[in-house]
Amino acid sequence: MSRLPQINPRKLVAVLKYAGFEEFDQHGSHLILINKKLDLQTSVPMHSGDVGRGLLKKILKQALLSEEEFRKHF
C-alpha cells in the first residue's frame, strides 16, 4: 500500500462532503465539518498549500474513514 498523498484542502473538503459531512462553521482559517448521522466533527485548515500526510491521517481518523475509502473518493 502506498503512502497517503498530500492533498489540497478544497479537495479534502469535497471528499468529506461525499462521505456525508457538511460545512458547519469556520473559525479563522479552519473549516468545521459535521456528520449529523454519525455525530462526528472534524476541521480542515483552509490554508494555501497542501494538507500534510500526518494531518490527513488524523482527519480521516476523526471522520471514521479508512485510507481505502479515502482513495476511492479521491
PDB file of N, CA and C in Angstrom:
ATOM      1  N   MET A   1       0.844  -1.174   0.000  1.00  0.00           N
ATOM      2  CA  MET A   1       0.000   0.000   0.000  1.00  0.00           C
ATOM      3  C   MET A   1       0.890   1.238   0.000  1.00  0.00           C
ATOM      4  N   SER A   2       0.552   2.196  -0.820  1.00  0.00           N
ATOM      5  CA  SER A   2       1.347   3.410  -0.907  1.00  0.00           C
ATOM      6  C   SER A   2       0.952   4.400   0.178  1.00  0.00           C
ATOM      7  N   ARG A   3       1.784   5.375   0.356  1.00  0.00           N
ATOM      8  CA  ARG A   3       1.525   6.397   1.372  1.00  0.00           C
ATOM      9  C   ARG A   3       0.358   7.271   0.961  1.00  0.00           C
ATOM     10  N   LEU A   4      -0.237   7.910   1.947  1.00  0.00           N
ATOM     11  CA  LEU A   4      -1.298   8.866   1.662  1.00  0.00           C
ATOM     12  C   LEU A   4      -0.707  10.051   0.910  1.00  0.00           C
ATOM     13  N   PRO A   5      -1.449  10.641  -0.001  1.00  0.00           N
ATOM     14  CA  PRO A   5      -0.936  11.796  -0.735  1.00  0.00           C
ATOM     15  C   PRO A   5      -1.113  13.072   0.071  1.00  0.00           C
ATOM     16  N   GLN A   6      -0.341  14.075  -0.266  1.00  0.00           N
ATOM     17  CA  GLN A   6      -0.645  15.410   0.227  1.00  0.00           C
ATOM     18  C   GLN A   6      -1.806  15.885  -0.630  1.00  0.00           C
ATOM     19  N   ILE A   7      -2.729  16.638  -0.056  1.00  0.00           N
ATOM     20  CA  ILE A   7      -3.942  16.983  -0.776  1.00  0.00           C
ATOM     21  C   ILE A   7      -4.307  18.441  -0.533  1.00  0.00           C
ATOM     22  N   ASN A   8      -4.860  19.050  -1.550  1.00  0.00           N
ATOM     23  CA  ASN A   8      -5.364  20.408  -1.453  1.00  0.00           C
ATOM     24  C   ASN A   8      -6.551  20.424  -0.490  1.00  0.00           C
ATOM     25  N   PRO A   9      -6.654  21.415   0.393  1.00  0.00           N
ATOM     26  CA  PRO A   9      -7.765  21.445   1.355  1.00  0.00           C
ATOM     27  C   PRO A   9      -9.144  21.403   0.704  1.00  0.00           C
ATOM     28  N   ARG A  10      -9.306  22.041  -0.428  1.00  0.00           N
ATOM     29  CA  ARG A  10     -10.615  22.042  -1.107  1.00  0.00           C
ATOM     30  C   ARG A  10     -10.997  20.636  -1.583  1.00  0.00           C
ATOM     31  N   LYS A  11     -10.019  19.882  -2.065  1.00  0.00           N
ATOM     32  CA  LYS A  11     -10.287  18.506  -2.486  1.00  0.00           C
ATOM     33  C   LYS A  11     -10.638  17.635  -1.280  1.00  0.00           C
ATOM     34  N   LEU A  12      -9.960  17.873  -0.161  1.00  0.00           N
ATOM     35  CA  LEU A  12     -10.248  17.124   1.053  1.00  0.00           C
ATOM     36  C   LEU A  12     -11.672  17.403   1.528  1.00  0.00           C
ATOM     37  N   VAL A  13     -12.093  18.654   1.493  1.00  0.00           N
ATOM     38  CA  VAL A  13     -13.460  19.008   1.875  1.00  0.00           C
ATOM     39  C   VAL A  13     -14.452  18.318   0.947  1.00  0.00           C
ATOM     40  N   ALA A  14     -14.151  18.257  -0.347  1.00  0.00           N
ATOM     41  CA  ALA A  14     -15.042  17.587  -1.303  1.00  0.00           C
ATOM     42  C   ALA A  14     -15.177  16.099  -0.970  1.00  0.00           C
ATOM     43  N   VAL A  15     -14.079  15.449  -0.604  1.00  0.00           N
ATOM     44  CA  VAL A  15     -14.126  14.033  -0.228  1.00  0.00           C
ATOM     45  C   VAL A  15     -14.966  13.852   1.033  1.00  0.00           C
ATOM     46  N   LEU A  16     -14.773  14.731   2.013  1.00  0.00           N
ATOM     47  CA  LEU A  16     -15.538  14.642   3.257  1.00  0.00           C
ATOM     48  C   LEU A  16     -17.028  14.881   3.014  1.00  0.00           C
ATOM     49  N   LYS A  17     -17.346  15.806   2.130  1.00  0.00           N
ATOM     50  CA  LYS A  17     -18.757  16.048   1.801  1.00  0.00           C
ATOM     51  C   LYS A  17     -19.356  14.819   1.129  1.00  0.00           C
ATOM     52  N   TYR A  18     -18.609  14.181   0.266  1.00  0.00           N
ATOM     53  CA  TYR A  18     -19.086  12.958  -0.384  1.00  0.00           C
ATOM     54  C   TYR A  18     -19.335  11.859   0.642  1.00  0.00           C
ATOM     55  N   ALA A  19     -18.563  11.885   1.743  1.00  0.00           N
ATOM     56  CA  ALA A  19     -18.696  10.882   2.802  1.00  0.00           C
ATOM     57  C   ALA A  19     -19.799  11.233   3.801  1.00  0.00           C
ATOM     58  N   GLY A  20     -20.526  12.321   3.561  1.00  0.00           N
ATOM     59  CA  GLY A  20     -21.663  12.649   4.415  1.00  0.00           C
ATOM     60  C   GLY A  20     -21.471  13.838   5.338  1.00  0.00           C
ATOM     61  N   PHE A  21     -20.354  14.510   5.248  1.00  0.00           N
ATOM     62  CA  PHE A  21     -20.115  15.686   6.086  1.00  0.00           C
ATOM     63  C   PHE A  21     -20.675  16.923   5.407  1.00  0.00           C
ATOM     64  N   GLU A  22     -20.988  17.934   6.203  1.00  0.00           N
ATOM     65  CA  GLU A  22     -21.432  19.215   5.665  1.00  0.00           C
ATOM     66  C   GLU A  22     -20.733  20.328   6.429  1.00  0.00           C
ATOM     67  N   GLU A  23     -20.586  21.466   5.755  1.00  0.00           N
ATOM     68  CA  GLU A  23     -19.945  22.613   6.389  1.00  0.00           C
ATOM     69  C   GLU A  23     -20.826  23.097   7.530  1.00  0.00           C
ATOM     70  N   PHE A  24     -20.202  23.355   8.671  1.00  0.00           N
ATOM     71  CA  PHE A  24     -20.949  23.776   9.848  1.00  0.00           C
ATOM     72  C   PHE A  24     -20.581  25.191  10.257  1.00  0.00           C
ATOM     73  N   ASP A  25     -19.287  25.481  10.340  1.00  0.00           N
ATOM     74  CA  ASP A  25     -18.819  26.767  10.833  1.00  0.00           C
ATOM     75  C   ASP A  25     -17.392  26.976  10.363  1.00  0.00           C
ATOM     76  N   GLN A  26     -16.894  28.180  10.541  1.00  0.00           N
ATOM     77  CA  GLN A  26     -15.496  28.450  10.234  1.00  0.00           C
ATOM     78  C   GLN A  26     -14.920  29.312  11.336  1.00  0.00           C
ATOM     79  N   HIS A  27     -13.785  28.893  11.875  1.00  0.00           N
ATOM     80  CA  HIS A  27     -13.074  29.647  12.902  1.00  0.00           C
ATOM     81  C   HIS A  27     -11.731  30.044  12.317  1.00  0.00           C
ATOM     82  N   GLY A  28     -11.610  31.300  11.964  1.00  0.00           N
ATOM     83  CA  GLY A  28     -10.383  31.753  11.327  1.00  0.00           C
ATOM     84  C   GLY A  28     -10.231  31.059   9.982  1.00  0.00           C
ATOM     85  N   SER A  29      -9.134  30.353   9.805  1.00  0.00           N
ATOM     86  CA  SER A  29      -8.896  29.669   8.534  1.00  0.00           C
ATOM     87  C   SER A  29      -9.257  28.192   8.593  1.00  0.00           C
ATOM     88  N   HIS A  30      -9.898  27.756   9.678  1.00  0.00           N
ATOM     89  CA  HIS A  30     -10.258  26.344   9.824  1.00  0.00           C
ATOM     90  C   HIS A  30     -11.754  26.144   9.601  1.00  0.00           C
ATOM     91  N   LEU A  31     -12.083  25.302   8.638  1.00  0.00           N
ATOM     92  CA  LEU A  31     -13.464  24.984   8.312  1.00  0.00           C
ATOM     93  C   LEU A  31     -13.894  23.785   9.154  1.00  0.00           C
ATOM     94  N   ILE A  32     -15.015  23.931   9.863  1.00  0.00           N
ATOM     95  CA  ILE A  32     -15.541  22.869  10.701  1.00  0.00           C
ATOM     96  C   ILE A  32     -16.605  22.125   9.909  1.00  0.00           C
ATOM     97  N   LEU A  33     -16.472  20.804   9.830  1.00  0.00           N
ATOM     98  CA  LEU A  33     -17.442  19.966   9.129  1.00  0.00           C
ATOM     99  C   LEU A  33     -18.056  18.985  10.113  1.00  0.00           C
ATOM    100  N   ILE A  34     -19.341  18.696   9.939  1.00  0.00           N
ATOM    101  CA  ILE A  34     -20.010  17.744  10.821  1.00  0.00           C
ATOM    102  C   ILE A  34     -20.750  16.705   9.990  1.00  0.00           C
ATOM    103  N   ASN A  35     -20.921  15.545  10.591  1.00  0.00           N
ATOM    104  CA  ASN A  35     -21.745  14.486  10.022  1.00  0.00           C
ATOM    105  C   ASN A  35     -22.822  14.214  11.065  1.00  0.00           C
ATOM    106  N   LYS A  36     -24.024  14.724  10.821  1.00  0.00           N
ATOM    107  CA  LYS A  36     -25.108  14.609  11.792  1.00  0.00           C
ATOM    108  C   LYS A  36     -25.534  13.160  11.998  1.00  0.00           C
ATOM    109  N   LYS A  37     -25.496  12.376  10.943  1.00  0.00           N
ATOM    110  CA  LYS A  37     -25.930  10.987  11.036  1.00  0.00           C
ATOM    111  C   LYS A  37     -25.039  10.182  11.986  1.00  0.00           C
ATOM    112  N   LEU A  38     -23.727  10.396  11.903  1.00  0.00           N
ATOM    113  CA  LEU A  38     -22.781   9.653  12.732  1.00  0.00           C
ATOM    114  C   LEU A  38     -22.333  10.440  13.965  1.00  0.00           C
ATOM    115  N   ASP A  39     -22.828  11.688  14.106  1.00  0.00           N
ATOM    116  CA  ASP A  39     -22.468  12.558  15.217  1.00  0.00           C
ATOM    117  C   ASP A  39     -20.951  12.730  15.314  1.00  0.00           C
ATOM    118  N   LEU A  40     -20.347  13.142  14.185  1.00  0.00           N
ATOM    119  CA  LEU A  40     -18.901  13.342  14.105  1.00  0.00           C
ATOM    120  C   LEU A  40     -18.599  14.780  13.711  1.00  0.00           C
ATOM    121  N   GLN A  41     -17.410  15.232  14.088  1.00  0.00           N
ATOM    122  CA  GLN A  41     -16.965  16.571  13.728  1.00  0.00           C
ATOM    123  C   GLN A  41     -15.483  16.530  13.425  1.00  0.00           C
ATOM    124  N   THR A  42     -15.052  17.299  12.447  1.00  0.00           N
ATOM    125  CA  THR A  42     -13.638  17.444  12.143  1.00  0.00           C
ATOM    126  C   THR A  42     -13.409  18.835  11.577  1.00  0.00           C
ATOM    127  N   SER A  43     -12.176  19.262  11.538  1.00  0.00           N
ATOM    128  CA  SER A  43     -11.866  20.569  10.963  1.00  0.00           C
ATOM    129  C   SER A  43     -10.746  20.411   9.940  1.00  0.00           C
ATOM    130  N   VAL A  44     -10.793  21.286   8.940  1.00  0.00           N
ATOM    131  CA  VAL A  44      -9.803  21.273   7.867  1.00  0.00           C
ATOM    132  C   VAL A  44      -9.201  22.669   7.766  1.00  0.00           C
ATOM    133  N   PRO A  45      -7.871  22.789   7.849  1.00  0.00           N
ATOM    134  CA  PRO A  45      -7.249  24.100   7.689  1.00  0.00           C
ATOM    135  C   PRO A  45      -7.308  24.526   6.224  1.00  0.00           C
ATOM    136  N   MET A  46      -7.900  25.672   5.967  1.00  0.00           N
ATOM    137  CA  MET A  46      -8.065  26.153   4.597  1.00  0.00           C
ATOM    138  C   MET A  46      -6.928  27.108   4.234  1.00  0.00           C
ATOM    139  N   HIS A  47      -5.708  26.686   4.502  1.00  0.00           N
ATOM    140  CA  HIS A  47      -4.528  27.475   4.180  1.00  0.00           C
ATOM    141  C   HIS A  47      -4.139  27.238   2.728  1.00  0.00           C
ATOM    142  N   SER A  48      -3.271  28.103   2.215  1.00  0.00           N
ATOM    143  CA  SER A  48      -2.732  27.827   0.887  1.00  0.00           C
ATOM    144  C   SER A  48      -1.757  26.659   1.034  1.00  0.00           C
ATOM    145  N   GLY A  49      -1.602  25.906   0.006  1.00  0.00           N
ATOM    146  CA  GLY A  49      -0.735  24.737   0.081  1.00  0.00           C
ATOM    147  C   GLY A  49      -1.528  23.495   0.451  1.00  0.00           C
ATOM    148  N   ASP A  50      -0.843  22.381   0.524  1.00  0.00           N
ATOM    149  CA  ASP A  50      -1.488  21.098   0.755  1.00  0.00           C
ATOM    150  C   ASP A  50      -1.556  20.739   2.235  1.00  0.00           C
ATOM    151  N   VAL A  51      -2.496  19.854   2.543  1.00  0.00           N
ATOM    152  CA  VAL A  51      -2.596  19.270   3.879  1.00  0.00           C
ATOM    153  C   VAL A  51      -1.591  18.121   3.911  1.00  0.00           C
ATOM    154  N   GLY A  52      -0.768  18.096   4.924  1.00  0.00           N
ATOM    155  CA  GLY A  52       0.267  17.068   5.033  1.00  0.00           C
ATOM    156  C   GLY A  52      -0.308  15.697   5.328  1.00  0.00           C
ATOM    157  N   ARG A  53       0.512  14.685   5.140  1.00  0.00           N
ATOM    158  CA  ARG A  53       0.075  13.298   5.327  1.00  0.00           C
ATOM    159  C   ARG A  53      -0.343  12.999   6.772  1.00  0.00           C
ATOM    160  N   GLY A  54       0.409  13.508   7.721  1.00  0.00           N
ATOM    161  CA  GLY A  54       0.099  13.254   9.127  1.00  0.00           C
ATOM    162  C   GLY A  54      -1.243  13.849   9.527  1.00  0.00           C
ATOM    163  N   LEU A  55      -1.473  15.089   9.143  1.00  0.00           N
ATOM    164  CA  LEU A  55      -2.739  15.745   9.453  1.00  0.00           C
ATOM    165  C   LEU A  55      -3.884  15.074   8.711  1.00  0.00           C
ATOM    166  N   LEU A  56      -3.658  14.681   7.473  1.00  0.00           N
ATOM    167  CA  LEU A  56      -4.686  13.981   6.707  1.00  0.00           C
ATOM    168  C   LEU A  56      -5.094  12.695   7.417  1.00  0.00           C
ATOM    169  N   LYS A  57      -4.116  11.970   7.931  1.00  0.00           N
ATOM    170  CA  LYS A  57      -4.406  10.718   8.640  1.00  0.00           C
ATOM    171  C   LYS A  57      -5.252  10.990   9.889  1.00  0.00           C
ATOM    172  N   LYS A  58      -4.958  12.070  10.621  1.00  0.00           N
ATOM    173  CA  LYS A  58      -5.732  12.426  11.807  1.00  0.00           C
ATOM    174  C   LYS A  58      -7.166  12.822  11.440  1.00  0.00           C
ATOM    175  N   ILE A  59      -7.322  13.571  10.353  1.00  0.00           N
ATOM    176  CA  ILE A  59      -8.658  13.984   9.911  1.00  0.00           C
ATOM    177  C   ILE A  59      -9.472  12.763   9.499  1.00  0.00           C
ATOM    178  N   LEU A  60      -8.863  11.829   8.776  1.00  0.00           N
ATOM    179  CA  LEU A  60      -9.566  10.614   8.369  1.00  0.00           C
ATOM    180  C   LEU A  60      -9.979   9.791   9.585  1.00  0.00           C
ATOM    181  N   LYS A  61      -9.133   9.758  10.600  1.00  0.00           N
ATOM    182  CA  LYS A  61      -9.457   9.020  11.823  1.00  0.00           C
ATOM    183  C   LYS A  61     -10.652   9.661  12.521  1.00  0.00           C
ATOM    184  N   GLN A  62     -10.678  10.994  12.600  1.00  0.00           N
ATOM    185  CA  GLN A  62     -11.806  11.695  13.208  1.00  0.00           C
ATOM    186  C   GLN A  62     -13.091  11.454  12.427  1.00  0.00           C
ATOM    187  N   ALA A  63     -12.978  11.332  11.109  1.00  0.00           N
ATOM    188  CA  ALA A  63     -14.142  11.153  10.243  1.00  0.00           C
ATOM    189  C   ALA A  63     -14.541   9.679  10.111  1.00  0.00           C
ATOM    190  N   LEU A  64     -13.801   8.797  10.767  1.00  0.00           N
ATOM    191  CA  LEU A  64     -14.033   7.350  10.677  1.00  0.00           C
ATOM    192  C   LEU A  64     -13.979   6.847   9.239  1.00  0.00           C
ATOM    193  N   LEU A  65     -13.058   7.397   8.460  1.00  0.00           N
ATOM    194  CA  LEU A  65     -12.842   6.961   7.076  1.00  0.00           C
ATOM    195  C   LEU A  65     -11.529   6.192   7.005  1.00  0.00           C
ATOM    196  N   SER A  66     -11.552   5.040   6.371  1.00  0.00           N
ATOM    197  CA  SER A  66     -10.312   4.291   6.183  1.00  0.00           C
ATOM    198  C   SER A  66      -9.533   4.904   5.007  1.00  0.00           C
ATOM    199  N   GLU A  67      -8.275   4.551   4.931  1.00  0.00           N
ATOM    200  CA  GLU A  67      -7.457   5.050   3.828  1.00  0.00           C
ATOM    201  C   GLU A  67      -7.991   4.534   2.492  1.00  0.00           C
ATOM    202  N   GLU A  68      -8.525   3.315   2.484  1.00  0.00           N
ATOM    203  CA  GLU A  68      -9.078   2.742   1.254  1.00  0.00           C
ATOM    204  C   GLU A  68     -10.317   3.522   0.800  1.00  0.00           C
ATOM    205  N   GLU A  69     -11.187   3.865   1.754  1.00  0.00           N
ATOM    206  CA  GLU A  69     -12.373   4.656   1.407  1.00  0.00           C
ATOM    207  C   GLU A  69     -11.968   6.025   0.875  1.00  0.00           C
ATOM    208  N   PHE A  70     -10.950   6.627   1.505  1.00  0.00           N
ATOM    209  CA  PHE A  70     -10.459   7.921   1.044  1.00  0.00           C
ATOM    210  C   PHE A  70      -9.949   7.818  -0.384  1.00  0.00           C
ATOM    211  N   ARG A  71      -9.174   6.793  -0.661  1.00  0.00           N
ATOM    212  CA  ARG A  71      -8.603   6.637  -2.013  1.00  0.00           C
ATOM    213  C   ARG A  71      -9.691   6.425  -3.072  1.00  0.00           C
ATOM    214  N   LYS A  72     -10.782   5.755  -2.695  1.00  0.00           N
ATOM    215  CA  LYS A  72     -11.887   5.563  -3.640  1.00  0.00           C
ATOM    216  C   LYS A  72     -12.489   6.881  -4.089  1.00  0.00           C
ATOM    217  N   HIS A  73     -12.636   7.807  -3.141  1.00  0.00           N
ATOM    218  CA  HIS A  73     -13.302   9.084  -3.430  1.00  0.00           C
ATOM    219  C   HIS A  73     -12.354  10.167  -3.864  1.00  0.00           C
ATOM    220  N   PHE A  74     -11.046   9.945  -3.702  1.00  0.00           N
ATOM    221  CA  PHE A  74     -10.042  10.933  -4.091  1.00  0.00           C
ATOM    222  C   PHE A  74      -9.759  10.792  -5.524  1.00  0.00           C
TER     223      PHE A  74
END
